[in-house]
Amino acid sequence: MSARIITVYSTKGGVGKTTTAVNLAWLAAADGNRTLLWDLDPQAGATWLLDVRQKVRGGAEAIIVGDKSIAKAIRSSSIAGLDVLPGDGTYRDLDITLDGAKKSSSRVARALKPLRDDYDVIVLDCPPGSSLVAENAVRTADVVVSPLSPALLSLRAHDQVGAFVEESAPGTPVIAFLNLVDRRKKSHREAADALPGRTRAISDIVVPASVVVERMAERHAALGDYAPGSPAGRAYAALWHAVAHAPRARR
């Protein structure tokens, strides 16, 4: 069976999208899956967290709309079974490039096609917002994972994600969850207690705010490397289990 493609996406920034992508990719590899993490965000946070060299000859344009072999751009990480297709600043102009390309909304899927039999899991760390890059990443996904900030207004953000996914790739399952929840804050507690019951599409998995998550930047590592038994580590493990067993998108 070809690779399961997981797109980590949010309409908003600052919700822990990149830490989610890195932890899911680490957990997939730890489960024995040949795993690729493609960093589509021009901030290249996932690339940096995994301490992978950023610069790719020809940049994003050469990989997605040019004739550069995507396999030649892939880097090994220090984690067994986990490769990285690094992001860099060239992804900042990718929407403009895609807008002028033929079949602009399926370029990521086309680029990934030669790799789908080489990997078991491919994780796409997608830039926030309703962009052509995001549409590409959603259209090729078997499942979309959407971190939400712990606030009641996140229900609106969740609705926006759902509408974008339904418009771009109808029938693609979405797994949303509350991320970086600090139960010392009343608003966070209220969101964590209320939102999962509002709609079945919001998982009851809650990732707590924790210093161990912040240490990912210091250690250039996923939680599984140094804090798998922490509450956050266990929550991400539960999220990976849900994602790994989610039904694939019907196309």
Protein backbone atom coordinates (compact mmCIF):
# COMPACT_ATOMS: atom_id res chain seq x y z
CA MET A 1 0.00 0.00 0.00
CA SER A 2 1.25 3.49 -0.82
CA ALA A 3 2.26 5.93 1.88
CA ARG A 4 -0.30 7.41 4.25
CA ILE A 5 -0.08 11.18 3.81
CA ILE A 6 -0.77 13.29 6.89
CA THR A 7 -1.19 17.04 6.42
CA VAL A 8 -0.83 19.15 9.56
CA TYR A 9 -2.80 22.32 8.90
CA SER A 10 -4.40 25.29 10.61
CA THR A 11 -5.85 28.54 9.37
CA LYS A 12 -3.99 30.26 12.22
CA GLY A 13 -0.35 30.40 13.19
CA GLY A 14 1.01 29.90 16.70
CA VAL A 15 -1.09 26.83 17.52
CA GLY A 16 1.77 24.30 17.67
CA LYS A 17 1.46 23.04 14.11
CA THR A 18 5.18 22.41 13.63
CA THR A 19 5.71 20.69 16.98
CA THR A 20 2.74 18.48 16.11
CA ALA A 21 4.23 17.57 12.71
CA VAL A 22 7.63 16.75 14.22
CA ASN A 23 6.18 14.62 17.01
CA LEU A 24 3.88 12.72 14.65
CA ALA A 25 6.77 12.05 12.27
CA TRP A 26 8.97 10.82 15.14
CA LEU A 27 6.22 8.53 16.43
CA ALA A 28 5.56 7.16 12.95
CA ALA A 29 9.25 6.31 12.54
CA ALA A 30 9.40 4.82 16.04
CA ASP A 31 6.55 2.50 15.01
CA GLY A 32 8.79 1.10 12.29
CA ASN A 33 7.41 3.15 9.41
CA ARG A 34 9.65 4.55 6.70
CA THR A 35 8.75 8.19 7.27
CA LEU A 36 9.25 11.45 5.39
CA LEU A 37 8.56 14.90 6.83
CA TRP A 38 8.14 17.59 4.19
CA ASP A 39 8.51 21.09 5.62
CA LEU A 40 6.32 23.29 3.39
CA ASP A 41 6.44 26.27 5.75
CA PRO A 42 8.83 29.08 4.71
CA GLN A 43 9.76 29.52 8.37
CA ALA A 44 11.30 26.02 8.16
CA GLY A 45 10.62 25.33 11.83
CA ALA A 46 10.42 21.55 11.45
CA THR A 47 13.69 21.53 9.50
CA TRP A 48 15.36 23.55 12.23
CA LEU A 49 13.92 21.47 15.08
CA LEU A 50 15.32 18.30 13.53
CA ASP A 51 18.68 20.00 12.89
CA VAL A 52 18.61 19.33 9.15
CA ARG A 53 20.49 21.45 6.63
CA GLN A 54 18.00 23.86 5.08
CA LYS A 55 19.37 24.93 1.73
CA VAL A 56 18.02 23.00 -1.26
CA ARG A 57 19.52 23.73 -4.68
CA GLY A 58 16.94 25.46 -6.82
CA GLY A 59 14.62 25.87 -3.82
CA ALA A 60 10.93 25.06 -3.67
CA GLU A 61 10.22 26.07 -7.26
CA ALA A 62 12.66 23.50 -8.65
CA ILE A 63 11.06 20.71 -6.61
CA ILE A 64 7.38 21.49 -7.12
CA VAL A 65 7.10 23.12 -10.54
CA GLY A 66 10.54 22.47 -12.02
CA ASP A 67 12.28 19.33 -13.16
CA LYS A 68 14.44 18.70 -10.08
CA SER A 69 14.13 15.17 -8.71
CA ILE A 70 12.44 15.41 -5.34
CA ALA A 71 14.44 12.43 -4.09
CA LYS A 72 17.69 14.40 -4.49
CA ALA A 73 16.42 17.08 -2.11
CA ILE A 74 15.67 14.66 0.75
CA ARG A 75 17.96 14.67 3.80
CA SER A 76 18.46 12.02 6.44
CA SER A 77 17.76 13.03 10.03
CA SER A 78 19.42 11.73 13.18
CA ILE A 79 16.28 9.66 13.85
CA ALA A 80 16.26 6.16 12.43
CA GLY A 81 13.68 5.80 9.70
CA LEU A 82 12.90 9.53 9.44
CA ASP A 83 13.92 11.58 6.40
CA VAL A 84 13.26 15.29 5.88
CA LEU A 85 12.51 17.33 2.80
CA PRO A 86 13.71 20.63 4.21
CA GLY A 87 11.97 23.97 4.03
CA ASP A 88 13.66 27.30 3.42
CA GLY A 89 12.82 30.88 2.57
CA THR A 90 12.09 30.05 -1.07
CA TYR A 91 8.74 28.61 0.00
CA ARG A 92 7.65 32.18 0.79
CA ASP A 93 7.08 32.87 -2.93
CA LEU A 94 5.69 29.46 -3.79
CA ASP A 95 2.08 30.62 -3.98
CA ILE A 96 3.02 33.08 -6.73
CA THR A 97 4.88 30.37 -8.60
CA LEU A 98 2.00 27.91 -8.26
CA ASP A 99 -0.50 30.48 -9.43
CA GLY A 100 1.23 30.60 -12.81
CA ALA A 101 1.67 26.84 -13.15
CA LYS A 102 -0.57 24.34 -14.90
CA LYS A 103 -2.67 22.17 -12.57
CA SER A 104 -1.59 24.46 -9.75
CA SER A 105 -3.58 22.69 -7.02
CA SER A 106 -2.09 19.23 -7.64
CA ARG A 107 1.62 20.02 -7.86
CA VAL A 108 2.49 18.68 -4.40
CA ALA A 109 0.68 15.42 -5.16
CA ARG A 110 2.54 15.17 -8.45
CA ALA A 111 5.89 15.78 -6.75
CA LEU A 112 5.17 13.13 -4.13
CA LYS A 113 3.99 10.46 -6.57
CA PRO A 114 7.46 8.90 -7.10
CA LEU A 115 7.92 8.61 -3.31
CA ARG A 116 4.61 7.05 -2.28
CA ASP A 117 5.98 3.51 -2.58
CA ASP A 118 9.28 4.40 -0.86
CA TYR A 119 7.67 5.54 2.39
CA ASP A 120 4.96 4.24 4.69
CA VAL A 121 4.10 7.65 6.15
CA ILE A 122 4.57 11.16 4.74
CA VAL A 123 3.91 14.13 7.03
CA LEU A 124 3.37 17.56 5.48
CA ASP A 125 3.98 20.55 7.73
CA CYS A 126 1.76 23.08 5.99
CA PRO A 127 1.89 26.89 6.24
CA PRO A 128 -1.14 28.48 7.93
CA GLY A 129 -3.90 30.21 6.03
CA SER A 130 -5.90 29.52 2.89
CA SER A 131 -3.10 29.46 0.35
CA LEU A 132 -2.42 27.49 -2.81
CA VAL A 133 0.32 25.62 -0.94
CA ALA A 134 -2.19 24.68 1.76
CA GLU A 135 -4.72 23.61 -0.88
CA ASN A 136 -2.07 21.39 -2.48
CA ALA A 137 -1.20 19.81 0.86
CA VAL A 138 -4.84 19.18 1.74
CA ARG A 139 -5.70 17.76 -1.67
CA THR A 140 -3.01 15.09 -1.40
CA ALA A 141 -3.75 14.18 2.24
CA ASP A 142 -5.25 10.93 3.48
CA VAL A 143 -5.99 12.67 6.77
CA VAL A 144 -5.70 16.30 7.94
CA VAL A 145 -4.55 17.00 11.51
CA SER A 146 -5.53 20.39 12.89
CA PRO A 147 -4.20 21.74 16.20
CA LEU A 148 -6.49 24.25 17.89
CA SER A 149 -5.66 26.90 20.45
CA PRO A 150 -7.43 26.41 23.82
CA ALA A 151 -10.13 29.06 23.44
CA LEU A 152 -13.85 28.88 22.77
CA LEU A 153 -13.28 30.98 19.63
CA SER A 154 -11.34 28.01 18.26
CA LEU A 155 -14.66 26.52 17.27
CA ARG A 156 -14.74 29.17 14.53
CA ALA A 157 -11.18 28.29 13.47
CA HIS A 158 -12.19 24.64 13.37
CA ASP A 159 -15.18 25.48 11.17
CA GLN A 160 -12.86 27.39 8.82
CA VAL A 161 -10.50 24.41 8.57
CA GLY A 162 -13.42 22.09 7.90
CA ALA A 163 -14.79 24.35 5.17
CA PHE A 164 -11.39 24.69 3.52
CA VAL A 165 -10.81 20.93 3.55
CA GLU A 166 -14.31 20.22 2.25
CA GLU A 167 -13.84 22.69 -0.59
CA SER A 168 -10.34 21.48 -1.48
CA ALA A 169 -10.70 17.73 -0.91
CA PRO A 170 -14.24 16.60 -0.05
CA GLY A 171 -14.39 13.52 2.16
CA THR A 172 -10.91 13.90 3.66
CA PRO A 173 -11.07 13.13 7.39
CA VAL A 174 -10.01 15.88 9.80
CA ILE A 175 -8.69 15.17 13.29
CA ALA A 176 -8.72 18.35 15.36
CA PHE A 177 -7.40 18.58 18.92
CA LEU A 178 -6.69 21.21 21.56
CA ASN A 179 -2.99 21.98 21.87
CA LEU A 180 -0.87 23.73 24.49
CA VAL A 181 -3.59 23.71 27.16
CA ASP A 182 -2.68 25.33 30.48
CA ARG A 183 -5.34 24.21 32.96
CA ARG A 184 -4.26 26.91 35.41
CA LYS A 185 -6.03 29.35 33.11
CA LYS A 186 -9.81 29.45 33.36
CA SER A 187 -10.31 30.07 29.64
CA HIS A 188 -8.15 27.04 28.79
CA ARG A 189 -10.07 24.82 31.21
CA GLU A 190 -13.39 25.96 29.81
CA ALA A 191 -12.25 25.28 26.24
CA ALA A 192 -10.83 21.85 27.10
CA ASP A 193 -14.01 20.87 28.93
CA ALA A 194 -16.49 22.26 26.39
CA LEU A 195 -15.11 22.05 22.86
CA PRO A 196 -14.67 18.27 22.39
CA GLY A 197 -18.37 17.85 23.26
CA ARG A 198 -19.52 20.46 20.73
CA THR A 199 -18.70 18.35 17.69
CA ARG A 200 -17.39 14.85 17.10
CA ALA A 201 -14.76 16.29 14.78
CA ILE A 202 -12.84 17.74 17.76
CA SER A 203 -10.97 14.92 19.47
CA ASP A 204 -10.92 14.52 23.23
CA ILE A 205 -7.11 14.35 23.00
CA VAL A 206 -5.67 17.39 24.77
CA VAL A 207 -1.96 18.25 24.65
CA PRO A 208 -0.98 20.24 27.74
CA ALA A 209 1.30 23.25 27.73
CA SER A 210 4.56 22.08 29.21
CA VAL A 211 8.19 23.01 29.58
CA VAL A 212 9.08 19.67 28.00
CA VAL A 213 7.48 20.86 24.74
CA GLU A 214 9.46 24.11 24.90
CA ARG A 215 12.65 22.06 25.30
CA MET A 216 12.20 20.63 21.82
CA ALA A 217 13.90 23.78 20.54
CA GLU A 218 16.82 23.40 22.97
CA ARG A 219 17.33 19.73 22.22
CA HIS A 220 16.47 19.74 18.50
CA ALA A 221 14.45 16.62 19.21
CA ALA A 222 10.93 15.26 19.46
CA LEU A 223 9.34 14.47 22.83
CA GLY A 224 9.76 10.76 22.20
CA ASP A 225 13.53 11.20 22.46
CA TYR A 226 13.58 12.62 25.97
CA ALA A 227 10.09 12.82 27.53
CA PRO A 228 7.86 10.05 26.12
CA GLY A 229 6.18 9.46 29.49
CA SER A 230 5.32 13.10 30.10
CA PRO A 231 1.65 14.14 29.82
CA ALA A 232 2.42 15.90 26.54
CA GLY A 233 4.38 12.92 25.25
CA ARG A 234 1.50 10.56 26.05
CA ALA A 235 -1.03 12.91 24.44
CA TYR A 236 0.96 13.05 21.20
CA ALA A 237 1.25 9.25 21.28
CA ALA A 238 -2.55 9.05 21.55
CA LEU A 239 -2.86 11.48 18.65
CA TRP A 240 -0.52 9.36 16.52
CA HIS A 241 -2.62 6.27 17.31
CA ALA A 242 -5.77 8.10 16.19
CA VAL A 243 -4.12 9.35 13.02
CA ALA A 244 -2.56 6.01 12.13
CA HIS A 245 -5.94 4.29 12.40
CA ALA A 246 -8.06 6.96 10.74
CA PRO A 247 -9.82 5.94 7.52
CA ARG A 248 -8.09 7.20 4.41
CA ALA A 249 -9.61 9.90 2.25
CA ARG A 250 -11.94 8.57 -0.45
CA ARG A 251 -11.01 9.81 -3.93
